[in-house]
PDB file of N, CA and C in Angstrom:
ATOM      1  N   MET A   1      53.824  13.122  -9.334  1.00  0.00           N
ATOM      2  CA  MET A   1      53.806  11.487  -9.817  1.00  0.00           C
ATOM      3  C   MET A   1      52.579  11.798 -10.832  1.00  0.00           C
ATOM      4  N   SER A   2      52.762  11.143 -11.923  1.00  0.00           N
ATOM      5  CA  SER A   2      51.936  11.090 -13.063  1.00  0.00           C
ATOM      6  C   SER A   2      50.890  10.217 -12.708  1.00  0.00           C
ATOM      7  N   ASN A   3      49.389  10.371 -13.515  1.00  0.00           N
ATOM      8  CA  ASN A   3      48.488   9.791 -13.404  1.00  0.00           C
ATOM      9  C   ASN A   3      48.512   8.180 -13.591  1.00  0.00           C
ATOM     10  N   VAL A   4      49.524   7.930 -14.470  1.00  0.00           N
ATOM     11  CA  VAL A   4      49.529   6.326 -14.526  1.00  0.00           C
ATOM     12  C   VAL A   4      50.243   5.596 -13.378  1.00  0.00           C
ATOM     13  N   LYS A   5      51.307   6.817 -12.825  1.00  0.00           N
ATOM     14  CA  LYS A   5      51.821   5.713 -11.640  1.00  0.00           C
ATOM     15  C   LYS A   5      50.967   5.791 -10.367  1.00  0.00           C
ATOM     16  N   GLN A   6      50.283   7.171 -10.493  1.00  0.00           N
ATOM     17  CA  GLN A   6      49.239   7.012  -9.222  1.00  0.00           C
ATOM     18  C   GLN A   6      48.140   6.046  -9.324  1.00  0.00           C
ATOM     19  N   THR A   7      47.905   5.521 -10.574  1.00  0.00           N
ATOM     20  CA  THR A   7      46.676   4.409 -11.056  1.00  0.00           C
ATOM     21  C   THR A   7      46.896   3.235 -10.670  1.00  0.00           C
ATOM     22  N   ILE A   8      48.528   2.599 -10.938  1.00  0.00           N
ATOM     23  CA  ILE A   8      49.399   1.639 -10.516  1.00  0.00           C
ATOM     24  C   ILE A   8      49.396   1.676  -8.895  1.00  0.00           C
ATOM     25  N   VAL A   9      49.811   2.525  -8.408  1.00  0.00           N
ATOM     26  CA  VAL A   9      50.042   2.456  -6.936  1.00  0.00           C
ATOM     27  C   VAL A   9      48.619   2.401  -6.119  1.00  0.00           C
ATOM     28  N   SER A  10      47.536   3.020  -6.688  1.00  0.00           N
ATOM     29  CA  SER A  10      46.305   2.861  -5.895  1.00  0.00           C
ATOM     30  C   SER A  10      45.646   1.205  -6.315  1.00  0.00           C
ATOM     31  N   LEU A  11      46.178   0.581  -7.577  1.00  0.00           N
ATOM     32  CA  LEU A  11      45.453  -0.430  -7.753  1.00  0.00           C
ATOM     33  C   LEU A  11      46.237  -1.432  -6.980  1.00  0.00           C
ATOM     34  N   LYS A  12      47.622  -1.368  -6.796  1.00  0.00           N
ATOM     35  CA  LYS A  12      48.546  -2.362  -6.093  1.00  0.00           C
ATOM     36  C   LYS A  12      47.697  -2.126  -4.613  1.00  0.00           C
ATOM     37  N   LYS A  13      47.516  -0.847  -3.936  1.00  0.00           N
ATOM     38  CA  LYS A  13      47.073  -0.931  -2.660  1.00  0.00           C
ATOM     39  C   LYS A  13      45.577  -1.408  -2.709  1.00  0.00           C
ATOM     40  N   SER A  14      44.723  -1.435  -3.589  1.00  0.00           N
ATOM     41  CA  SER A  14      43.447  -1.748  -3.518  1.00  0.00           C
ATOM     42  C   SER A  14      43.746  -3.462  -3.464  1.00  0.00           C
ATOM     43  N   CYS A  15      44.428  -4.015  -4.576  1.00  0.00           N
ATOM     44  CA  CYS A  15      44.865  -5.460  -4.697  1.00  0.00           C
ATOM     45  C   CYS A  15      45.013  -6.015  -3.270  1.00  0.00           C
ATOM     46  N   SER A  16      46.003  -5.542  -2.573  1.00  0.00           N
ATOM     47  CA  SER A  16      46.377  -5.981  -1.360  1.00  0.00           C
ATOM     48  C   SER A  16      45.507  -5.840  -0.522  1.00  0.00           C
ATOM     49  N   LEU A  17      44.694  -4.795  -0.246  1.00  0.00           N
ATOM     50  CA  LEU A  17      43.410  -4.479   0.795  1.00  0.00           C
ATOM     51  C   LEU A  17      42.885  -5.758   0.391  1.00  0.00           C
ATOM     52  N   PHE A  18      42.304  -5.990  -0.640  1.00  0.00           N
ATOM     53  CA  PHE A  18      41.159  -6.661  -1.199  1.00  0.00           C
ATOM     54  C   PHE A  18      41.929  -8.277  -0.688  1.00  0.00           C
ATOM     55  N   SER A  19      42.656  -8.368  -1.006  1.00  0.00           N
ATOM     56  CA  SER A  19      43.460  -9.971  -0.801  1.00  0.00           C
ATOM     57  C   SER A  19      43.246 -10.212   0.909  1.00  0.00           C
ATOM     58  N   GLN A  20      43.876  -9.131   1.785  1.00  0.00           N
ATOM     59  CA  GLN A  20      43.848  -9.482   2.949  1.00  0.00           C
ATOM     60  C   GLN A  20      42.520  -9.389   3.654  1.00  0.00           C
ATOM     61  N   MET A  21      41.280  -8.576   3.105  1.00  0.00           N
ATOM     62  CA  MET A  21      40.146  -8.833   3.122  1.00  0.00           C
ATOM     63  C   MET A  21      39.410 -10.233   2.535  1.00  0.00           C
ATOM     64  N   TYR A  22      39.589 -10.839   1.903  1.00  0.00           N
ATOM     65  CA  TYR A  22      39.431 -11.775   1.487  1.00  0.00           C
ATOM     66  C   TYR A  22      39.641 -13.151   2.028  1.00  0.00           C
ATOM     67  N   ILE A  23      40.754 -13.091   2.411  1.00  0.00           N
ATOM     68  CA  ILE A  23      41.422 -14.334   3.174  1.00  0.00           C
ATOM     69  C   ILE A  23      40.799 -14.208   4.372  1.00  0.00           C
ATOM     70  N   SER A  24      40.809 -12.917   5.282  1.00  0.00           N
ATOM     71  CA  SER A  24      40.489 -12.942   6.534  1.00  0.00           C
ATOM     72  C   SER A  24      38.727 -13.361   6.429  1.00  0.00           C
ATOM     73  N   CYS A  25      38.005 -13.109   5.356  1.00  0.00           N
ATOM     74  CA  CYS A  25      36.848 -13.700   5.500  1.00  0.00           C
ATOM     75  C   CYS A  25      36.576 -15.271   5.304  1.00  0.00           C
ATOM     76  N   GLN A  26      37.533 -15.766   4.520  1.00  0.00           N
ATOM     77  CA  GLN A  26      37.692 -17.373   4.371  1.00  0.00           C
ATOM     78  C   GLN A  26      37.887 -17.879   5.974  1.00  0.00           C
ATOM     79  N   VAL A  27      38.964 -17.414   6.441  1.00  0.00           N
ATOM     80  CA  VAL A  27      39.454 -17.928   7.648  1.00  0.00           C
ATOM     81  C   VAL A  27      38.131 -17.974   8.821  1.00  0.00           C
ATOM     82  N   ARG A  28      37.629 -16.660   8.716  1.00  0.00           N
ATOM     83  CA  ARG A  28      36.426 -16.722   9.608  1.00  0.00           C
ATOM     84  C   ARG A  28      35.160 -17.346   9.309  1.00  0.00           C
ATOM     85  N   ASN A  29      35.135 -18.068   8.029  1.00  0.00           N
ATOM     86  CA  ASN A  29      34.015 -18.785   7.340  1.00  0.00           C
ATOM     87  C   ASN A  29      32.605 -17.649   7.404  1.00  0.00           C
ATOM     88  N   ASP A  30      33.019 -16.197   6.896  1.00  0.00           N
ATOM     89  CA  ASP A  30      31.730 -15.322   6.701  1.00  0.00           C
ATOM     90  C   ASP A  30      31.220 -15.538   5.674  1.00  0.00           C
ATOM     91  N   ASP A  31      29.969 -14.850   5.088  1.00  0.00           N
ATOM     92  CA  ASP A  31      29.288 -14.972   4.090  1.00  0.00           C
ATOM     93  C   ASP A  31      29.725 -14.124   3.089  1.00  0.00           C
ATOM     94  N   MET A  32      30.522 -14.818   1.995  1.00  0.00           N
ATOM     95  CA  MET A  32      30.722 -13.955   0.975  1.00  0.00           C
ATOM     96  C   MET A  32      29.640 -12.910   0.078  1.00  0.00           C
ATOM     97  N   LYS A  33      28.599 -13.150   0.343  1.00  0.00           N
ATOM     98  CA  LYS A  33      27.515 -12.326  -0.425  1.00  0.00           C
ATOM     99  C   LYS A  33      27.691 -11.009   0.320  1.00  0.00           C
ATOM    100  N   GLU A  34      27.629 -11.038   1.911  1.00  0.00           N
ATOM    101  CA  GLU A  34      27.845 -10.141   2.498  1.00  0.00           C
ATOM    102  C   GLU A  34      29.082  -9.156   2.567  1.00  0.00           C
ATOM    103  N   PHE A  35      30.110 -10.045   2.271  1.00  0.00           N
ATOM    104  CA  PHE A  35      31.461  -9.479   1.960  1.00  0.00           C
ATOM    105  C   PHE A  35      31.609  -8.644   0.725  1.00  0.00           C
ATOM    106  N   PHE A  36      30.925  -8.755  -0.334  1.00  0.00           N
ATOM    107  CA  PHE A  36      31.032  -7.957  -1.374  1.00  0.00           C
ATOM    108  C   PHE A  36      30.183  -7.265  -1.418  1.00  0.00           C
ATOM    109  N   ARG A  37      28.983  -7.055  -0.335  1.00  0.00           N
ATOM    110  CA  ARG A  37      28.107  -5.939  -0.217  1.00  0.00           C
ATOM    111  C   ARG A  37      28.577  -4.576  -0.513  1.00  0.00           C
ATOM    112  N   TYR A  38      29.843  -4.358   0.449  1.00  0.00           N
ATOM    113  CA  TYR A  38      30.304  -3.032   0.834  1.00  0.00           C
ATOM    114  C   TYR A  38      31.521  -2.483  -0.219  1.00  0.00           C
ATOM    115  N   GLU A  39      31.672  -1.319   0.272  1.00  0.00           N
ATOM    116  CA  GLU A  39      32.647  -0.771  -0.547  1.00  0.00           C
ATOM    117  C   GLU A  39      33.879  -1.122   0.296  1.00  0.00           C
ATOM    118  N   ASN A  40      34.991  -1.361  -0.598  1.00  0.00           N
ATOM    119  CA  ASN A  40      36.319  -1.626   0.326  1.00  0.00           C
ATOM    120  C   ASN A  40      37.379  -0.260   0.254  1.00  0.00           C
ATOM    121  N   GLN A  41      36.784   0.757  -0.069  1.00  0.00           N
ATOM    122  CA  GLN A  41      37.386   2.061  -0.119  1.00  0.00           C
ATOM    123  C   GLN A  41      37.038   3.152   0.658  1.00  0.00           C
ATOM    124  N   THR A  42      37.565   4.063   1.189  1.00  0.00           N
ATOM    125  CA  THR A  42      37.086   5.081   2.204  1.00  0.00           C
ATOM    126  C   THR A  42      36.226   5.917   1.196  1.00  0.00           C
ATOM    127  N   VAL A  43      36.426   6.309   0.036  1.00  0.00           N
ATOM    128  CA  VAL A  43      35.957   7.228  -0.815  1.00  0.00           C
ATOM    129  C   VAL A  43      35.533   6.294  -2.185  1.00  0.00           C
ATOM    130  N   PRO A  44      34.095   6.476  -2.619  1.00  0.00           N
ATOM    131  CA  PRO A  44      33.776   5.580  -3.778  1.00  0.00           C
ATOM    132  C   PRO A  44      34.480   6.170  -5.138  1.00  0.00           C
ATOM    133  N   PRO A  45      35.373   5.418  -5.996  1.00  0.00           N
ATOM    134  CA  PRO A  45      35.958   6.093  -6.952  1.00  0.00           C
ATOM    135  C   PRO A  45      35.243   6.932  -8.089  1.00  0.00           C
ATOM    136  N   SER A  46      33.886   6.841  -8.153  1.00  0.00           N
ATOM    137  CA  SER A  46      33.186   7.302  -8.902  1.00  0.00           C
ATOM    138  C   SER A  46      33.003   8.875  -8.373  1.00  0.00           C
ATOM    139  N   ILE A  47      33.263   9.600  -7.381  1.00  0.00           N
ATOM    140  CA  ILE A  47      33.212  10.640  -6.750  1.00  0.00           C
ATOM    141  C   ILE A  47      34.525  11.197  -6.410  1.00  0.00           C
ATOM    142  N   SER A  48      35.528  10.337  -6.577  1.00  0.00           N
ATOM    143  CA  SER A  48      37.128  10.581  -6.013  1.00  0.00           C
ATOM    144  C   SER A  48      38.046  10.302  -7.245  1.00  0.00           C
ATOM    145  N   SER A  49      39.118  11.100  -6.485  1.00  0.00           N
ATOM    146  CA  SER A  49      40.383  10.842  -7.691  1.00  0.00           C
ATOM    147  C   SER A  49      41.379  10.595  -6.853  1.00  0.00           C
ATOM    148  N   PHE A  50      41.921   9.206  -6.620  1.00  0.00           N
ATOM    149  CA  PHE A  50      43.219   9.243  -5.789  1.00  0.00           C
ATOM    150  C   PHE A  50      42.882   9.618  -4.332  1.00  0.00           C
ATOM    151  N   GLY A  51      41.470   9.515  -3.722  1.00  0.00           N
ATOM    152  CA  GLY A  51      41.397  10.151  -2.673  1.00  0.00           C
ATOM    153  C   GLY A  51      40.844  11.366  -2.423  1.00  0.00           C
ATOM    154  N   ASN A  52      41.146  12.262  -3.487  1.00  0.00           N
ATOM    155  CA  ASN A  52      40.643  13.573  -3.410  1.00  0.00           C
ATOM    156  C   ASN A  52      39.498  13.787  -3.971  1.00  0.00           C
ATOM    157  N   LEU A  53      38.511  14.371  -3.482  1.00  0.00           N
ATOM    158  CA  LEU A  53      36.988  14.344  -3.971  1.00  0.00           C
ATOM    159  C   LEU A  53      37.070  15.259  -5.234  1.00  0.00           C
ATOM    160  N   ARG A  54      36.326  14.981  -6.005  1.00  0.00           N
ATOM    161  CA  ARG A  54      36.037  15.745  -7.220  1.00  0.00           C
ATOM    162  C   ARG A  54      35.473  16.875  -7.213  1.00  0.00           C
ATOM    163  N   SER A  55      35.674  18.050  -7.474  1.00  0.00           N
ATOM    164  CA  SER A  55      35.040  19.179  -7.587  1.00  0.00           C
ATOM    165  C   SER A  55      34.316  19.573  -8.699  1.00  0.00           C
ATOM    166  N   GLY A  56      33.166  20.530  -8.323  1.00  0.00           N
ATOM    167  CA  GLY A  56      32.465  20.714  -9.571  1.00  0.00           C
ATOM    168  C   GLY A  56      30.876  21.352  -8.914  1.00  0.00           C
ATOM    169  N   THR A  57      30.014  21.369 -10.197  1.00  0.00           N
ATOM    170  CA  THR A  57      28.825  22.076  -9.897  1.00  0.00           C
ATOM    171  C   THR A  57      27.914  21.279 -10.507  1.00  0.00           C
ATOM    172  N   LYS A  58      26.923  21.271 -10.325  1.00  0.00           N
ATOM    173  CA  LYS A  58      25.477  20.310 -11.165  1.00  0.00           C
ATOM    174  C   LYS A  58      25.421  20.671 -12.345  1.00  0.00           C
ATOM    175  N   SER A  59      25.418  22.250 -12.417  1.00  0.00           N
ATOM    176  CA  SER A  59      25.168  22.444 -13.958  1.00  0.00           C
ATOM    177  C   SER A  59      26.114  21.837 -14.662  1.00  0.00           C
ATOM    178  N   ASP A  60      27.507  21.707 -14.764  1.00  0.00           N
ATOM    179  CA  ASP A  60      28.477  20.874 -15.174  1.00  0.00           C
ATOM    180  C   ASP A  60      28.092  19.654 -15.889  1.00  0.00           C
ATOM    181  N   LEU A  61      26.822  18.861 -15.308  1.00  0.00           N
ATOM    182  CA  LEU A  61      26.535  17.860 -16.003  1.00  0.00           C
ATOM    183  C   LEU A  61      25.619  17.984 -17.070  1.00  0.00           C
ATOM    184  N   LEU A  62      24.955  19.400 -17.147  1.00  0.00           N
ATOM    185  CA  LEU A  62      24.054  19.483 -18.106  1.00  0.00           C
ATOM    186  C   LEU A  62      24.420  19.252 -19.586  1.00  0.00           C
ATOM    187  N   HIS A  63      25.884  19.527 -19.706  1.00  0.00           N
ATOM    188  CA  HIS A  63      26.316  19.318 -21.075  1.00  0.00           C
ATOM    189  C   HIS A  63      26.448  17.829 -21.320  1.00  0.00           C
ATOM    190  N   SER A  64      26.767  16.958 -20.380  1.00  0.00           N
ATOM    191  CA  SER A  64      26.912  15.602 -20.768  1.00  0.00           C
ATOM    192  C   SER A  64      25.360  15.075 -21.029  1.00  0.00           C
ATOM    193  N   LEU A  65      24.661  15.264 -20.152  1.00  0.00           N
ATOM    194  CA  LEU A  65      23.512  14.987 -20.346  1.00  0.00           C
ATOM    195  C   LEU A  65      22.691  15.511 -21.579  1.00  0.00           C
ATOM    196  N   GLN A  66      22.717  16.796 -22.207  1.00  0.00           N
ATOM    197  CA  GLN A  66      21.990  17.143 -23.310  1.00  0.00           C
ATOM    198  C   GLN A  66      22.872  16.532 -24.576  1.00  0.00           C
ATOM    199  N   ASN A  67      23.929  15.800 -24.342  1.00  0.00           N
ATOM    200  CA  ASN A  67      24.426  15.108 -25.482  1.00  0.00           C
ATOM    201  C   ASN A  67      23.725  13.583 -25.467  1.00  0.00           C
ATOM    202  N   LEU A  68      23.340  13.287 -24.313  1.00  0.00           N
ATOM    203  CA  LEU A  68      23.027  12.041 -24.180  1.00  0.00           C
ATOM    204  C   LEU A  68      21.274  12.078 -25.032  1.00  0.00           C
ATOM    205  N   SER A  69      20.650  13.085 -24.692  1.00  0.00           N
ATOM    206  CA  SER A  69      19.199  12.963 -24.993  1.00  0.00           C
ATOM    207  C   SER A  69      19.193  13.798 -26.053  1.00  0.00           C
ATOM    208  N   SER A  70      18.008  13.647 -26.829  1.00  0.00           N
ATOM    209  CA  SER A  70      17.485  14.395 -27.978  1.00  0.00           C
ATOM    210  C   SER A  70      16.103  14.461 -27.877  1.00  0.00           C
ATOM    211  N   ASN A  71      15.482  15.559 -28.830  1.00  0.00           N
ATOM    212  CA  ASN A  71      14.277  16.032 -28.463  1.00  0.00           C
ATOM    213  C   ASN A  71      13.657  14.918 -29.518  1.00  0.00           C
ATOM    214  N   THR A  72      14.070  14.416 -30.457  1.00  0.00           N
ATOM    215  CA  THR A  72      13.045  13.395 -31.042  1.00  0.00           C
ATOM    216  C   THR A  72      12.776  12.245 -30.632  1.00  0.00           C
ATOM    217  N   ILE A  73      13.552  11.956 -29.300  1.00  0.00           N
ATOM    218  CA  ILE A  73      13.097  10.728 -28.470  1.00  0.00           C
ATOM    219  C   ILE A  73      11.845  11.029 -27.818  1.00  0.00           C
ATOM    220  N   ALA A  74      11.715  11.824 -27.229  1.00  0.00           N
ATOM    221  CA  ALA A  74      10.100  12.738 -26.622  1.00  0.00           C
ATOM    222  C   ALA A  74       9.291  12.548 -27.914  1.00  0.00           C
ATOM    223  N   ASP A  75       9.352  13.167 -28.873  1.00  0.00           N
ATOM    224  CA  ASP A  75       8.584  12.926 -29.972  1.00  0.00           C
ATOM    225  C   ASP A  75       8.070  11.490 -30.415  1.00  0.00           C
ATOM    226  N   GLU A  76       8.814  10.514 -30.014  1.00  0.00           N
ATOM    227  CA  GLU A  76       8.469   9.475 -30.971  1.00  0.00           C
ATOM    228  C   GLU A  76       8.032   8.244 -29.693  1.00  0.00           C
ATOM    229  N   ARG A  77       7.645   8.648 -28.479  1.00  0.00           N
ATOM    230  CA  ARG A  77       7.407   7.983 -27.517  1.00  0.00           C
ATOM    231  C   ARG A  77       5.683   7.281 -28.083  1.00  0.00           C
ATOM    232  N   PRO A  78       5.827   6.025 -27.628  1.00  0.00           N
ATOM    233  CA  PRO A  78       4.491   5.489 -27.791  1.00  0.00           C
ATOM    234  C   PRO A  78       3.122   5.832 -27.287  1.00  0.00           C
ATOM    235  N   LEU A  79       2.009   5.494 -27.789  1.00  0.00           N
ATOM    236  CA  LEU A  79       0.771   5.799 -27.338  1.00  0.00           C
ATOM    237  C   LEU A  79       0.550   4.830 -25.984  1.00  0.00           C
ATOM    238  N   SER A  80       0.084   5.584 -25.038  1.00  0.00           N
ATOM    239  CA  SER A  80      -0.282   4.945 -23.778  1.00  0.00           C
ATOM    240  C   SER A  80      -1.695   4.631 -23.763  1.00  0.00           C
ATOM    241  N   HIS A  81      -2.049   3.872 -23.156  1.00  0.00           N
ATOM    242  CA  HIS A  81      -3.641   3.267 -22.861  1.00  0.00           C
ATOM    243  C   HIS A  81      -4.099   4.322 -21.505  1.00  0.00           C
ATOM    244  N   VAL A  82      -3.311   4.544 -20.861  1.00  0.00           N
ATOM    245  CA  VAL A  82      -4.086   5.287 -19.645  1.00  0.00           C
ATOM    246  C   VAL A  82      -2.832   6.570 -19.218  1.00  0.00           C
ATOM    247  N   VAL A  83      -3.580   7.329 -18.850  1.00  0.00           N
ATOM    248  CA  VAL A  83      -2.692   8.587 -18.310  1.00  0.00           C
ATOM    249  C   VAL A  83      -3.250   9.068 -17.093  1.00  0.00           C
ATOM    250  N   LEU A  84      -2.170   8.927 -16.272  1.00  0.00           N
ATOM    251  CA  LEU A  84      -2.769   9.586 -14.484  1.00  0.00           C
ATOM    252  C   LEU A  84      -2.544  11.145 -14.311  1.00  0.00           C
ATOM    253  N   LEU A  85      -2.823  11.667 -14.322  1.00  0.00           N
ATOM    254  CA  LEU A  85      -2.656  13.237 -14.116  1.00  0.00           C
ATOM    255  C   LEU A  85      -3.274  13.613 -12.598  1.00  0.00           C
ATOM    256  N   ASP A  86      -2.075  14.365 -12.024  1.00  0.00           N
ATOM    257  CA  ASP A  86      -2.370  15.006 -10.729  1.00  0.00           C
ATOM    258  C   ASP A  86      -2.810  16.364 -10.667  1.00  0.00           C
ATOM    259  N   GLY A  87      -4.364  16.837 -10.598  1.00  0.00           N
ATOM    260  CA  GLY A  87      -4.823  17.939 -10.754  1.00  0.00           C
ATOM    261  C   GLY A  87      -3.943  19.117  -9.912  1.00  0.00           C
ATOM    262  N   ALA A  88      -3.909  18.493  -8.553  1.00  0.00           N
ATOM    263  CA  ALA A  88      -3.587  19.751  -7.735  1.00  0.00           C
ATOM    264  C   ALA A  88      -1.911  20.185  -8.497  1.00  0.00           C
ATOM    265  N   ALA A  89      -1.120  19.350  -8.459  1.00  0.00           N
ATOM    266  CA  ALA A  89       0.377  19.511  -9.202  1.00  0.00           C
ATOM    267  C   ALA A  89       0.301  20.045 -10.375  1.00  0.00           C
ATOM    268  N   ILE A  90      -0.535  19.803 -11.183  1.00  0.00           N
ATOM    269  CA  ILE A  90      -0.794  20.491 -12.513  1.00  0.00           C
ATOM    270  C   ILE A  90      -1.199  21.927 -12.080  1.00  0.00           C
ATOM    271  N   VAL A  91      -1.922  22.067 -11.149  1.00  0.00           N
ATOM    272  CA  VAL A  91      -2.417  23.656 -11.132  1.00  0.00           C
ATOM    273  C   VAL A  91      -1.190  24.192 -10.166  1.00  0.00           C
ATOM    274  N   ASN A  92      -0.400  23.557  -9.713  1.00  0.00           N
ATOM    275  CA  ASN A  92       0.599  24.457  -8.972  1.00  0.00           C
ATOM    276  C   ASN A  92       2.081  24.322 -10.132  1.00  0.00           C
ATOM    277  N   MET A  93       1.993  23.522 -11.063  1.00  0.00           N
ATOM    278  CA  MET A  93       2.799  23.541 -12.121  1.00  0.00           C
ATOM    279  C   MET A  93       2.529  25.016 -13.145  1.00  0.00           C
ATOM    280  N   LEU A  94       1.648  24.846 -13.586  1.00  0.00           N
ATOM    281  CA  LEU A  94       0.940  25.849 -14.672  1.00  0.00           C
ATOM    282  C   LEU A  94       0.958  27.143 -14.363  1.00  0.00           C
ATOM    283  N   LYS A  95       1.536  28.193 -14.870  1.00  0.00           N
ATOM    284  CA  LYS A  95       1.306  29.544 -14.305  1.00  0.00           C
ATOM    285  C   LYS A  95       0.035  30.400 -15.291  1.00  0.00           C
ATOM    286  N   PRO A  96      -0.399  30.839 -14.348  1.00  0.00           N
ATOM    287  CA  PRO A  96      -1.829  31.432 -14.719  1.00  0.00           C
ATOM    288  C   PRO A  96      -1.752  32.316 -15.880  1.00  0.00           C
ATOM    289  N   GLY A  97      -0.550  33.090 -16.140  1.00  0.00           N
ATOM    290  CA  GLY A  97      -0.373  33.696 -17.412  1.00  0.00           C
ATOM    291  C   GLY A  97      -1.289  34.950 -17.440  1.00  0.00           C
ATOM    292  N   PRO A  98      -2.231  35.444 -18.498  1.00  0.00           N
ATOM    293  CA  PRO A  98      -3.026  36.516 -18.378  1.00  0.00           C
ATOM    294  C   PRO A  98      -4.360  36.128 -17.793  1.00  0.00           C
ATOM    295  N   ALA A  99      -4.712  35.221 -17.507  1.00  0.00           N
ATOM    296  CA  ALA A  99      -5.983  34.485 -16.859  1.00  0.00           C
ATOM    297  C   ALA A  99      -6.019  35.528 -15.454  1.00  0.00           C
ATOM    298  N   LYS A 100      -7.250  35.997 -15.453  1.00  0.00           N
ATOM    299  CA  LYS A 100      -7.597  36.940 -14.467  1.00  0.00           C
ATOM    300  C   LYS A 100      -8.585  36.083 -13.270  1.00  0.00           C
ATOM    301  N   THR A 101      -9.739  35.241 -13.930  1.00  0.00           N
ATOM    302  CA  THR A 101     -10.460  34.359 -13.120  1.00  0.00           C
ATOM    303  C   THR A 101     -10.245  32.774 -13.148  1.00  0.00           C
ATOM    304  N   PHE A 102     -10.925  32.231 -12.528  1.00  0.00           N
ATOM    305  CA  PHE A 102     -10.690  30.797 -12.489  1.00  0.00           C
ATOM    306  C   PHE A 102     -11.316  30.321 -13.910  1.00  0.00           C
ATOM    307  N   LEU A 103     -12.448  30.775 -14.224  1.00  0.00           N
ATOM    308  CA  LEU A 103     -12.683  30.439 -15.655  1.00  0.00           C
ATOM    309  C   LEU A 103     -11.604  30.606 -16.902  1.00  0.00           C
ATOM    310  N   ASP A 104     -11.085  31.898 -16.816  1.00  0.00           N
ATOM    311  CA  ASP A 104      -9.970  32.287 -17.653  1.00  0.00           C
ATOM    312  C   ASP A 104      -8.902  31.073 -17.609  1.00  0.00           C
ATOM    313  N   TYR A 105      -8.525  30.868 -16.160  1.00  0.00           N
ATOM    314  CA  TYR A 105      -7.282  30.227 -16.342  1.00  0.00           C
ATOM    315  C   TYR A 105      -7.737  28.606 -16.738  1.00  0.00           C
ATOM    316  N   SER A 106      -8.982  28.109 -16.381  1.00  0.00           N
ATOM    317  CA  SER A 106      -9.315  26.703 -16.943  1.00  0.00           C
ATOM    318  C   SER A 106      -9.420  26.643 -18.347  1.00  0.00           C
ATOM    319  N   THR A 107     -10.012  27.709 -18.786  1.00  0.00           N
ATOM    320  CA  THR A 107     -10.076  27.601 -20.468  1.00  0.00           C
ATOM    321  C   THR A 107      -9.022  27.856 -21.557  1.00  0.00           C
ATOM    322  N   GLU A 108      -8.089  28.750 -20.668  1.00  0.00           N
ATOM    323  CA  GLU A 108      -6.936  29.244 -21.415  1.00  0.00           C
ATOM    324  C   GLU A 108      -5.698  28.420 -21.009  1.00  0.00           C
ATOM    325  N   VAL A 109      -5.436  27.849 -19.977  1.00  0.00           N
ATOM    326  CA  VAL A 109      -4.306  27.070 -19.676  1.00  0.00           C
ATOM    327  C   VAL A 109      -4.635  25.492 -19.001  1.00  0.00           C
ATOM    328  N   PHE A 110      -5.500  25.289 -18.010  1.00  0.00           N
ATOM    329  CA  PHE A 110      -5.594  24.181 -17.570  1.00  0.00           C
ATOM    330  C   PHE A 110      -6.117  23.223 -18.391  1.00  0.00           C
ATOM    331  N   VAL A 111      -7.367  23.452 -19.075  1.00  0.00           N
ATOM    332  CA  VAL A 111      -7.936  22.467 -19.981  1.00  0.00           C
ATOM    333  C   VAL A 111      -7.154  22.236 -21.192  1.00  0.00           C
ATOM    334  N   PRO A 112      -6.328  23.383 -21.659  1.00  0.00           N
ATOM    335  CA  PRO A 112      -5.667  22.788 -23.128  1.00  0.00           C
ATOM    336  C   PRO A 112      -4.329  22.082 -22.547  1.00  0.00           C
ATOM    337  N   TYR A 113      -3.891  22.305 -21.544  1.00  0.00           N
ATOM    338  CA  TYR A 113      -2.969  21.067 -21.238  1.00  0.00           C
ATOM    339  C   TYR A 113      -3.408  19.761 -20.599  1.00  0.00           C
ATOM    340  N   ILE A 114      -4.676  19.548 -20.439  1.00  0.00           N
ATOM    341  CA  ILE A 114      -5.009  18.445 -20.008  1.00  0.00           C
ATOM    342  C   ILE A 114      -5.154  17.823 -21.656  1.00  0.00           C
ATOM    343  N   LYS A 115      -5.768  18.309 -22.284  1.00  0.00           N
ATOM    344  CA  LYS A 115      -6.305  18.018 -23.823  1.00  0.00           C
ATOM    345  C   LYS A 115      -5.032  17.449 -24.300  1.00  0.00           C
ATOM    346  N   SER A 116      -3.980  18.351 -24.291  1.00  0.00           N
ATOM    347  CA  SER A 116      -2.580  17.826 -24.807  1.00  0.00           C
ATOM    348  C   SER A 116      -2.012  16.838 -24.054  1.00  0.00           C
ATOM    349  N   GLN A 117      -1.993  16.535 -23.066  1.00  0.00           N
ATOM    350  CA  GLN A 117      -1.677  15.341 -22.353  1.00  0.00           C
ATOM    351  C   GLN A 117      -2.400  13.746 -22.660  1.00  0.00           C
ATOM    352  N   LEU A 118      -3.773  14.378 -22.822  1.00  0.00           N
ATOM    353  CA  LEU A 118      -4.562  13.125 -23.216  1.00  0.00           C
ATOM    354  C   LEU A 118      -4.576  12.850 -24.797  1.00  0.00           C
ATOM    355  N   SER A 119      -4.121  13.962 -25.407  1.00  0.00           N
ATOM    356  CA  SER A 119      -4.136  13.354 -27.007  1.00  0.00           C
ATOM    357  C   SER A 119      -2.833  12.530 -27.435  1.00  0.00           C
ATOM    358  N   LYS A 120      -1.834  12.198 -26.146  1.00  0.00           N
ATOM    359  CA  LYS A 120      -0.936  11.334 -25.949  1.00  0.00           C
ATOM    360  C   LYS A 120      -0.989   9.941 -25.768  1.00  0.00           C
ATOM    361  N   SER A 121      -2.627   9.243 -25.498  1.00  0.00           N
ATOM    362  CA  SER A 121      -2.987   8.449 -25.305  1.00  0.00           C
ATOM    363  C   SER A 121      -4.320   7.829 -26.137  1.00  0.00           C
ATOM    364  N   GLN A 122      -4.540   6.675 -26.083  1.00  0.00           N
ATOM    365  CA  GLN A 122      -5.759   5.962 -26.777  1.00  0.00           C
ATOM    366  C   GLN A 122      -6.756   6.074 -26.116  1.00  0.00           C
TER     367      GLN A 122
END
């Protein structure tokens, strides 16, 4: 069966199911907001195709995401008035590189990173 025919069959089933659910909701005097809160399909259409789950890996998304973003957006961000930095997270995030002591690490890695972050604020 072609994709067009499958789509039509799926739409007819969904329409029929929706009609039955809507009528039953009216007969029982149920809350319509509550009725529309939930999915009316067993598998959300965003992750399935005619009831079959889509396959793939997370890395497949990178190509689409890279097309949506560009490096110019990050360079054009507005100056901020306040910057909050979590020192413990920064220490865990930054690699020590060639630094052998805490003084080397602070002067060669930590402080330059902090200054670069603070230079983007007023």
